[in-house]
Amino acid sequence: RFETLQRIAKETIGVVSSGISHIDRNLTSLLKTSKRIYNGTSVIKSISAKESALEKMLTSDICFDPSNHCE
């Protein structure tokens, strides 16, 4: 009887620890994906900011042209 309980306890611990490591792997994978998404978003924001700055530069250059009458 004690041996049966011991075997059940070992099996239960095995299943639980296997489940925990599975959850851990999933969380790690999710974290990596989140980091990739965050990095991707940062890159997009950076490109967008540079594009906006470039657009302003080009527009202001045109405006400084004496032949062009923009304010």
N, C-alpha and C. Protein backbone atom coordinates (compact mmCIF):
# COMPACT_ATOMS: atom_id res chain seq x y z
N ARG A 1 0.83 -1.20 0.00
CA ARG A 1 0.00 0.00 0.00
C ARG A 1 0.87 1.26 0.00
N PHE A 2 1.88 1.28 0.87
CA PHE A 2 2.78 2.44 0.94
C PHE A 2 3.53 2.61 -0.38
N GLU A 3 3.96 1.48 -0.97
CA GLU A 3 4.69 1.54 -2.24
C GLU A 3 3.80 2.10 -3.35
N THR A 4 2.52 1.74 -3.31
CA THR A 4 1.58 2.26 -4.30
C THR A 4 1.45 3.77 -4.16
N LEU A 5 1.31 4.22 -2.91
CA LEU A 5 1.21 5.67 -2.66
C LEU A 5 2.48 6.38 -3.11
N GLN A 6 3.62 5.75 -2.84
CA GLN A 6 4.90 6.33 -3.22
C GLN A 6 4.99 6.45 -4.75
N ARG A 7 4.55 5.39 -5.46
CA ARG A 7 4.59 5.39 -6.92
C ARG A 7 3.66 6.47 -7.47
N ILE A 8 2.46 6.57 -6.90
CA ILE A 8 1.50 7.59 -7.34
C ILE A 8 2.07 8.99 -7.10
N ALA A 9 2.70 9.18 -5.94
CA ALA A 9 3.30 10.48 -5.62
C ALA A 9 4.40 10.83 -6.62
N LYS A 10 5.25 9.84 -6.94
CA LYS A 10 6.33 10.08 -7.91
C LYS A 10 5.77 10.43 -9.28
N GLU A 11 4.74 9.69 -9.69
CA GLU A 11 4.12 9.94 -11.00
C GLU A 11 3.49 11.33 -11.03
N THR A 12 2.82 11.67 -9.94
CA THR A 12 2.17 12.99 -9.85
C THR A 12 3.20 14.10 -9.92
N ILE A 13 4.28 13.94 -9.18
CA ILE A 13 5.36 14.93 -9.20
C ILE A 13 5.95 15.04 -10.60
N GLY A 14 6.12 13.89 -11.26
CA GLY A 14 6.65 13.88 -12.63
C GLY A 14 5.74 14.64 -13.58
N VAL A 15 4.44 14.38 -13.49
CA VAL A 15 3.48 15.05 -14.37
C VAL A 15 3.45 16.55 -14.09
N VAL A 16 3.44 16.91 -12.81
CA VAL A 16 3.40 18.32 -12.43
C VAL A 16 4.66 19.04 -12.91
N SER A 17 5.83 18.44 -12.68
CA SER A 17 7.07 19.13 -13.09
C SER A 17 7.16 19.20 -14.61
N SER A 18 6.65 18.18 -15.30
CA SER A 18 6.62 18.21 -16.77
C SER A 18 5.71 19.34 -17.23
N GLY A 19 4.56 19.48 -16.58
CA GLY A 19 3.61 20.56 -16.91
C GLY A 19 4.22 21.92 -16.67
N ILE A 20 4.93 22.05 -15.55
CA ILE A 20 5.57 23.33 -15.21
C ILE A 20 6.64 23.69 -16.24
N SER A 21 7.45 22.70 -16.64
CA SER A 21 8.50 23.02 -17.62
C SER A 21 7.88 23.34 -18.98
N HIS A 22 6.75 22.71 -19.30
CA HIS A 22 6.04 23.01 -20.55
C HIS A 22 5.53 24.45 -20.53
N ILE A 23 4.94 24.85 -19.41
CA ILE A 23 4.45 26.22 -19.24
C ILE A 23 5.62 27.21 -19.33
N ASP A 24 6.73 26.84 -18.69
CA ASP A 24 7.93 27.68 -18.70
C ASP A 24 8.43 27.90 -20.13
N ARG A 25 8.46 26.81 -20.92
CA ARG A 25 8.89 26.93 -22.33
C ARG A 25 7.95 27.84 -23.11
N ASN A 26 6.64 27.67 -22.87
CA ASN A 26 5.67 28.51 -23.57
C ASN A 26 5.83 29.98 -23.21
N LEU A 27 6.05 30.25 -21.92
CA LEU A 27 6.23 31.64 -21.47
C LEU A 27 7.50 32.24 -22.06
N THR A 28 8.56 31.44 -22.11
CA THR A 28 9.82 31.90 -22.69
C THR A 28 9.62 32.25 -24.16
N SER A 29 8.92 31.37 -24.86
CA SER A 29 8.64 31.60 -26.28
C SER A 29 7.80 32.86 -26.47
N LEU A 30 6.80 33.03 -25.61
CA LEU A 30 5.93 34.21 -25.67
C LEU A 30 6.73 35.48 -25.41
N LEU A 31 7.64 35.40 -24.45
CA LEU A 31 8.49 36.55 -24.12
C LEU A 31 9.37 36.93 -25.30
N LYS A 32 9.96 35.92 -25.97
CA LYS A 32 10.80 36.19 -27.14
C LYS A 32 9.98 36.84 -28.24
N THR A 33 8.76 36.32 -28.46
CA THR A 33 7.88 36.89 -29.49
C THR A 33 7.54 38.33 -29.14
N SER A 34 7.23 38.58 -27.86
CA SER A 34 6.91 39.94 -27.42
C SER A 34 8.08 40.88 -27.66
N LYS A 35 9.29 40.41 -27.38
CA LYS A 35 10.48 41.24 -27.61
C LYS A 35 10.64 41.56 -29.09
N ARG A 36 10.40 40.54 -29.94
CA ARG A 36 10.51 40.76 -31.38
C ARG A 36 9.49 41.79 -31.85
N ILE A 37 8.26 41.66 -31.33
CA ILE A 37 7.21 42.61 -31.71
C ILE A 37 7.59 44.01 -31.24
N TYR A 38 8.08 44.12 -30.00
CA TYR A 38 8.49 45.42 -29.46
C TYR A 38 9.61 46.02 -30.29
N ASN A 39 10.62 45.20 -30.62
CA ASN A 39 11.74 45.68 -31.43
C ASN A 39 11.26 46.11 -32.81
N GLY A 40 10.36 45.33 -33.38
CA GLY A 40 9.80 45.67 -34.69
C GLY A 40 9.06 46.99 -34.64
N THR A 41 8.29 47.19 -33.57
CA THR A 41 7.55 48.44 -33.40
C THR A 41 8.51 49.61 -33.27
N SER A 42 9.59 49.41 -32.52
CA SER A 42 10.60 50.47 -32.35
C SER A 42 11.23 50.84 -33.68
N VAL A 43 11.52 49.82 -34.50
CA VAL A 43 12.12 50.07 -35.81
C VAL A 43 11.15 50.86 -36.68
N ILE A 44 9.88 50.46 -36.66
CA ILE A 44 8.86 51.17 -37.46
C ILE A 44 8.75 52.62 -36.99
N LYS A 45 8.72 52.84 -35.66
CA LYS A 45 8.64 54.21 -35.12
C LYS A 45 9.86 55.02 -35.55
N SER A 46 11.03 54.40 -35.49
CA SER A 46 12.27 55.07 -35.87
C SER A 46 12.24 55.47 -37.34
N ILE A 47 11.82 54.54 -38.20
CA ILE A 47 11.73 54.83 -39.63
C ILE A 47 10.74 55.95 -39.87
N SER A 48 9.60 55.88 -39.20
CA SER A 48 8.56 56.89 -39.35
C SER A 48 9.06 58.27 -38.93
N ALA A 49 9.80 58.32 -37.80
CA ALA A 49 10.35 59.58 -37.31
C ALA A 49 11.36 60.16 -38.30
N LYS A 50 12.21 59.28 -38.84
CA LYS A 50 13.22 59.74 -39.82
C LYS A 50 12.55 60.24 -41.09
N GLU A 51 11.52 59.52 -41.50
CA GLU A 51 10.79 59.91 -42.70
C GLU A 51 10.14 61.28 -42.50
N SER A 52 9.56 61.48 -41.33
CA SER A 52 8.92 62.75 -41.00
C SER A 52 9.95 63.89 -40.97
N ALA A 53 11.10 63.63 -40.36
CA ALA A 53 12.16 64.65 -40.29
C ALA A 53 12.67 64.99 -41.68
N LEU A 54 12.83 63.97 -42.51
CA LEU A 54 13.31 64.17 -43.88
C LEU A 54 12.30 65.00 -44.67
N GLU A 55 11.03 64.68 -44.47
CA GLU A 55 9.97 65.42 -45.16
C GLU A 55 9.99 66.89 -44.76
N LYS A 56 10.18 67.16 -43.47
CA LYS A 56 10.25 68.55 -42.98
C LYS A 56 11.45 69.27 -43.57
N MET A 57 12.58 68.57 -43.63
CA MET A 57 13.80 69.16 -44.19
C MET A 57 13.58 69.54 -45.65
N LEU A 58 13.01 68.62 -46.40
CA LEU A 58 12.78 68.87 -47.82
C LEU A 58 11.82 70.03 -48.03
N THR A 59 10.77 70.05 -47.21
CA THR A 59 9.77 71.12 -47.32
C THR A 59 10.39 72.47 -46.96
N SER A 60 11.19 72.49 -45.89
CA SER A 60 11.79 73.76 -45.47
C SER A 60 12.82 74.25 -46.49
N ASP A 61 13.53 73.33 -47.13
CA ASP A 61 14.49 73.72 -48.17
C ASP A 61 13.77 74.41 -49.33
N ILE A 62 12.63 73.86 -49.69
CA ILE A 62 11.84 74.45 -50.77
C ILE A 62 11.38 75.85 -50.36
N CYS A 63 10.99 75.97 -49.09
CA CYS A 63 10.48 77.25 -48.61
C CYS A 63 11.57 78.32 -48.53
N PHE A 64 12.82 77.89 -48.34
CA PHE A 64 13.90 78.87 -48.27
C PHE A 64 14.34 79.32 -49.66
N ASP A 65 13.84 78.67 -50.66
CA ASP A 65 14.16 79.04 -52.04
C ASP A 65 13.50 80.38 -52.36
N PRO A 66 14.25 81.42 -52.70
CA PRO A 66 13.69 82.76 -52.93
C PRO A 66 12.65 82.78 -54.06
N SER A 67 12.79 81.89 -55.03
CA SER A 67 11.84 81.89 -56.15
C SER A 67 10.49 81.30 -55.75
N ASN A 68 10.45 80.67 -54.58
CA ASN A 68 9.20 80.06 -54.13
C ASN A 68 8.57 80.95 -53.05
N HIS A 69 7.31 81.25 -53.16
CA HIS A 69 6.67 82.18 -52.21
C HIS A 69 5.88 81.44 -51.14
N CYS A 70 6.51 80.53 -50.44
CA CYS A 70 5.76 79.89 -49.35
C CYS A 70 6.26 80.43 -48.02
N GLU A 71 5.39 80.47 -47.07
CA GLU A 71 5.72 81.05 -45.75
C GLU A 71 6.25 79.98 -44.83
